[in-house]
Every structure is written in C-alpha cells, then in structure tokens.
Amino acid sequence: MTRILAFVLSALIPFSALAQEAGATDAAAPALIRPAAETALTEFLWLKRPVVIFADTPNDPRYIDQIDMLRAELATLAERDVVVLTDTDPSGQSPARQKLRPRGFQVVLIDKDGTVALRRPSPQSVREITRSIDKTPLRQREVEERRGQPRE
C-alpha cells in the first residue's frame, strides 16, 4: 500500500509544479498592464519600455481594441521588457499625461533611455510596436549581448 501511495504522490508532484508555474505566469500577466496614475515614468528608466495608452474614456473603442491586442500577446511584450500604462482620465493629470500631453486617444512607446520611440493617434498592433522596439539601438544591443556577440 505504501508503495502505491509513494507512486501516486511521485506522479502528482510534477503536475503541482506545473500548476504553480502556470499560476505565476497568470499572476504576472496583469502586472504588465497597470494604471499610469500609480507610477511615474522615471521608475522605468533603464529597466522597462513603457507603452502608454491614453484615452478620454475607458469606453473609447480604440482604447478597447488596443488593450485587447496587447493582452493577446503579453509574452511577446514581456520578452522586450514592456510595461503597459493606461490613462483614461484626462482630468486626473497623471505624471505621464503631464509629460506627454496627449490629445484624445494616443499610443506612446518610450524606450528604456526615456526617449519617445513611437507616438500614434490610432491603435497599433503588437507587431508594429515590437518592430519599433527592435529598431532602437538599445534593443539591438540587448539582442547582440544575448547572442554573445560584441558590438563594434
């Protein structure tokens, strides 16, 4: 009987580890998308690439489409150290809104060094955002370092 119990437990332990990993991934997913009012852009300097989504209301169809596109490919964004900040309250005057001064709906990509890499008045696909990221010198350096090739 104890052998059967040991066998059953040894068979179930790997599944519990997989469940814990899946739970950790699901818990990390919402952390990629957060309200802009809670954070300053300087918190991400040299650490993350903020993609700031501005809208006058959370019911803006462009805002809803943009968030849906981003949520569909969170892993791709996480690969490139992206954090998504949302601001749907023009009267709130978040630090991001004060610095970037959007008009209506806007998507703004800020590179790790604090420079604006992309600013568009319409929803952008994850592919378009990642293309803009991959063109930046900082991202090219990151890719080269991961490959182990020195940059000339």
Protein backbone atom coordinates (compact mmCIF):
# COMPACT_ATOMS: atom_id res chain seq x y z
CA MET A 1 0.00 0.00 0.00
CA THR A 2 2.80 2.44 0.86
CA ARG A 3 4.43 1.73 -2.50
CA ILE A 4 1.24 2.63 -4.31
CA LEU A 5 0.88 5.81 -2.28
CA ALA A 6 4.52 6.75 -2.99
CA PHE A 7 3.96 6.08 -6.69
CA VAL A 8 0.79 8.19 -6.81
CA LEU A 9 2.45 11.08 -4.96
CA SER A 10 5.55 10.99 -7.17
CA ALA A 11 3.30 11.06 -10.22
CA LEU A 12 1.30 14.06 -8.96
CA ILE A 13 4.17 16.25 -7.75
CA PRO A 14 5.29 17.31 -11.26
CA PHE A 15 1.70 18.34 -12.07
CA SER A 16 1.52 20.56 -9.00
CA ALA A 17 4.77 22.24 -10.03
CA LEU A 18 3.32 22.90 -13.48
CA ALA A 19 0.18 24.35 -11.93
CA GLN A 20 2.26 26.65 -9.75
CA GLU A 21 4.25 27.86 -12.76
CA ALA A 22 1.06 28.50 -14.72
CA GLY A 23 -0.39 30.39 -11.77
CA ALA A 24 2.75 32.52 -11.53
CA THR A 25 2.51 33.35 -15.23
CA ASP A 26 -1.14 34.31 -14.90
CA ALA A 27 -0.39 36.47 -11.86
CA ALA A 28 2.45 38.23 -13.71
CA ALA A 29 0.27 38.99 -16.73
CA PRO A 30 -1.85 41.71 -15.10
CA ALA A 31 1.33 43.35 -13.77
CA LEU A 32 2.29 44.19 -17.34
CA ILE A 33 -0.82 46.37 -17.70
CA ARG A 34 -1.36 48.92 -14.97
CA PRO A 35 -2.81 52.41 -14.48
CA ALA A 36 -0.46 55.28 -15.31
CA ALA A 37 -1.67 57.33 -12.33
CA GLU A 38 0.01 54.90 -9.91
CA THR A 39 3.52 55.24 -11.34
CA ALA A 40 5.99 57.81 -12.61
CA LEU A 41 7.73 57.21 -15.92
CA THR A 42 11.12 57.67 -14.24
CA GLU A 43 10.55 54.40 -12.34
CA PHE A 44 11.12 52.52 -15.60
CA LEU A 45 14.25 54.37 -16.75
CA TRP A 46 16.82 51.79 -17.98
CA LEU A 47 14.58 48.93 -16.72
CA LYS A 48 11.43 48.74 -18.87
CA ARG A 49 9.92 50.16 -22.04
CA PRO A 50 6.61 51.82 -21.16
CA VAL A 51 3.83 51.74 -23.72
CA VAL A 52 1.39 54.40 -22.55
CA ILE A 53 -2.19 54.17 -23.80
CA PHE A 54 -4.18 57.40 -23.44
CA ALA A 55 -7.92 57.81 -23.98
CA ASP A 56 -10.56 60.25 -22.81
CA THR A 57 -12.72 57.40 -21.51
CA PRO A 58 -12.29 53.66 -20.93
CA ASN A 59 -15.26 53.15 -23.28
CA ASP A 60 -13.36 54.52 -26.30
CA PRO A 61 -13.50 51.72 -28.94
CA ARG A 62 -9.89 52.46 -29.95
CA TYR A 63 -8.77 52.03 -26.34
CA ILE A 64 -10.67 48.74 -26.00
CA ASP A 65 -9.19 47.43 -29.28
CA GLN A 66 -5.67 48.44 -28.22
CA ILE A 67 -5.89 46.74 -24.84
CA ASP A 68 -7.32 43.59 -26.46
CA MET A 69 -4.43 43.47 -28.96
CA LEU A 70 -1.87 43.90 -26.18
CA ARG A 71 -3.45 41.29 -23.91
CA ALA A 72 -3.42 38.75 -26.74
CA GLU A 73 0.39 38.90 -26.93
CA LEU A 74 1.67 39.67 -23.44
CA ALA A 75 4.51 37.16 -23.75
CA THR A 76 5.89 38.97 -26.81
CA LEU A 77 5.80 42.26 -24.92
CA ALA A 78 7.38 40.77 -21.80
CA GLU A 79 10.27 39.48 -23.96
CA ARG A 80 11.08 43.08 -24.82
CA ASP A 81 10.74 44.39 -21.24
CA VAL A 82 7.50 46.26 -21.99
CA VAL A 83 5.12 47.55 -19.36
CA VAL A 84 1.75 48.96 -20.46
CA LEU A 85 0.43 52.02 -18.66
CA THR A 86 -3.17 53.11 -19.17
CA ASP A 87 -4.63 56.56 -18.62
CA THR A 88 -8.33 57.10 -19.37
CA ASP A 89 -8.89 60.14 -17.12
CA PRO A 90 -7.91 63.45 -18.76
CA SER A 91 -8.86 65.40 -15.64
CA GLY A 92 -6.61 63.22 -13.45
CA GLN A 93 -3.38 64.73 -14.79
CA SER A 94 -1.17 61.69 -14.18
CA PRO A 95 2.59 62.22 -14.43
CA ALA A 96 2.56 60.50 -17.85
CA ARG A 97 -0.23 62.78 -19.11
CA GLN A 98 1.60 65.87 -17.89
CA LYS A 99 4.84 64.85 -19.59
CA LEU A 100 3.47 63.51 -22.89
CA ARG A 101 0.45 65.84 -23.34
CA PRO A 102 -1.80 63.59 -25.43
CA ARG A 103 -4.89 64.74 -27.29
CA GLY A 104 -7.64 62.14 -27.14
CA PHE A 105 -6.55 58.59 -27.92
CA GLN A 106 -2.83 58.05 -28.27
CA VAL A 107 -0.27 55.23 -28.07
CA VAL A 108 3.21 56.26 -26.92
CA LEU A 109 6.22 53.93 -26.75
CA ILE A 110 9.08 55.12 -24.56
CA ASP A 111 12.45 53.40 -24.80
CA LYS A 112 14.50 52.43 -21.75
CA ASP A 113 16.55 55.61 -22.01
CA GLY A 114 13.41 57.77 -21.76
CA THR A 115 13.15 58.80 -25.41
CA VAL A 116 9.83 58.58 -27.24
CA ALA A 117 10.21 55.87 -29.89
CA LEU A 118 6.63 55.86 -31.22
CA ARG A 119 3.62 58.16 -30.93
CA ARG A 120 0.43 57.30 -32.82
CA PRO A 121 -3.20 58.53 -32.65
CA SER A 122 -4.61 55.11 -33.55
CA PRO A 123 -4.36 51.57 -32.14
CA GLN A 124 -1.12 49.76 -33.00
CA SER A 125 -0.70 46.03 -33.38
CA VAL A 126 1.84 44.27 -31.19
CA ARG A 127 3.79 43.59 -34.37
CA GLU A 128 4.07 47.33 -35.11
CA ILE A 129 5.09 48.07 -31.53
CA THR A 130 7.73 45.33 -31.46
CA ARG A 131 9.10 46.48 -34.82
CA SER A 132 9.58 49.96 -33.37
CA ILE A 133 11.29 48.47 -30.32
CA ASP A 134 13.54 46.21 -32.41
CA LYS A 135 14.76 49.19 -34.45
CA THR A 136 16.11 51.04 -31.41
CA PRO A 137 19.85 50.89 -30.69
CA LEU A 138 19.22 49.75 -27.11
CA ARG A 139 17.21 46.73 -28.26
CA GLN A 140 19.77 45.85 -30.91
CA ARG A 141 22.47 45.94 -28.24
CA GLU A 142 20.36 43.71 -25.97
CA VAL A 143 19.92 41.15 -28.74
CA GLU A 144 23.64 41.16 -29.52
CA GLU A 145 24.51 40.72 -25.84
CA ARG A 146 22.12 37.77 -25.56
CA ARG A 147 23.77 36.18 -28.58
CA GLY A 148 27.19 36.78 -27.02
CA GLN A 149 28.47 38.89 -29.90
CA PRO A 150 30.46 42.03 -29.07
CA ARG A 151 29.18 45.24 -30.58
CA GLU A 152 31.52 47.16 -32.87
